[in-house]
Amino acid sequence: MTKTLFTPPMKYFSNVNRYTRAGKNGKQICCPECREWSTVYHFSWSALRCLHCKEDINKEDFIVEATV
C-alpha cells in the first residue's frame, strides 16, 4: 500500500473583471500600487480610492485571489 501526500489547492491571482462576485462574506482585493489588501462587499463601482495609499484605481486593475 502506498501513501499519497495531501496537497492543498494552489492559489492564483487574477484581475477583477465583470464576472467577479464578492459573495456573502465579501472578497479581499489587492491594490496594485501599494500591495495592501482590503475587503469589498460588492463590485458595483468602476474605480475606487485605496484606503492605504489614497490612489484612484480602476476596477479592472485590482487583484483578487482565485483558487483553481
Protein backbone atom coordinates (compact mmCIF):
# COMPACT_ATOMS: atom_id res chain seq x y z
CA MET A 1 0.00 0.00 0.00
CA THR A 2 1.39 3.39 -0.95
CA LYS A 3 0.57 6.63 0.75
CA THR A 4 0.00 9.84 -1.14
CA LEU A 5 0.52 13.23 0.38
CA PHE A 6 -2.31 15.70 0.51
CA THR A 7 -1.54 18.83 -1.49
CA PRO A 8 -3.77 21.83 -0.82
CA PRO A 9 -5.26 23.68 -3.79
CA MET A 10 -2.90 26.24 -5.27
CA LYS A 11 -3.80 29.89 -5.04
CA TYR A 12 -3.66 32.06 -8.09
CA PHE A 13 -4.25 35.76 -8.54
CA SER A 14 -6.22 37.43 -11.30
CA ASN A 15 -7.57 40.86 -12.07
CA VAL A 16 -11.13 41.88 -11.31
CA ASN A 17 -13.41 41.57 -14.32
CA ARG A 18 -17.13 41.97 -14.94
CA TYR A 19 -17.82 38.42 -13.75
CA THR A 20 -16.14 38.85 -10.35
CA ARG A 21 -18.55 38.47 -7.43
CA ALA A 22 -17.93 39.35 -3.80
CA GLY A 23 -20.13 36.70 -2.22
CA LYS A 24 -21.87 36.80 1.13
CA ASN A 25 -18.75 37.47 3.22
CA GLY A 26 -17.05 39.90 0.85
CA LYS A 27 -13.82 39.44 -1.08
CA GLN A 28 -10.26 40.57 -0.49
CA ILE A 29 -8.80 42.83 -3.19
CA CYS A 30 -5.18 43.89 -3.50
CA CYS A 31 -4.14 47.38 -4.56
CA PRO A 32 -1.70 47.22 -7.49
CA GLU A 33 0.13 50.34 -6.28
CA CYS A 34 0.86 49.61 -2.61
CA ARG A 35 0.07 45.84 -2.48
CA GLU A 36 -2.18 46.22 0.57
CA TRP A 37 -5.33 44.09 0.93
CA SER A 38 -8.84 45.47 1.54
CA THR A 39 -12.27 43.85 1.77
CA VAL A 40 -15.14 44.79 -0.54
CA TYR A 41 -18.71 43.52 -0.41
CA HIS A 42 -19.82 44.38 -3.96
CA PHE A 43 -18.27 45.28 -7.28
CA SER A 44 -20.84 47.83 -8.49
CA TRP A 45 -18.23 50.54 -8.94
CA SER A 46 -15.88 51.49 -11.75
CA ALA A 47 -12.99 52.95 -9.72
CA LEU A 48 -12.06 53.01 -6.07
CA ARG A 49 -9.66 55.01 -3.91
CA CYS A 50 -7.27 52.81 -1.98
CA LEU A 51 -7.60 53.23 1.77
CA HIS A 52 -3.86 52.86 2.30
CA CYS A 53 -2.12 54.82 -0.46
CA LYS A 54 -5.04 57.15 -1.41
CA GLU A 55 -4.64 56.47 -5.16
CA ASP A 56 -7.63 56.27 -7.53
CA ILE A 57 -7.54 52.88 -9.25
CA ASN A 58 -9.80 51.37 -11.90
CA LYS A 59 -11.75 48.26 -11.01
CA GLU A 60 -10.01 46.08 -13.61
CA ASP A 61 -6.59 46.87 -12.11
CA PHE A 62 -7.33 45.42 -8.65
CA ILE A 63 -6.12 41.88 -7.93
CA VAL A 64 -8.25 39.12 -6.37
CA GLU A 65 -7.34 35.64 -5.19
CA ALA A 66 -8.68 32.81 -7.33
CA THR A 67 -8.38 29.11 -6.46
CA VAL A 68 -8.10 26.76 -9.40
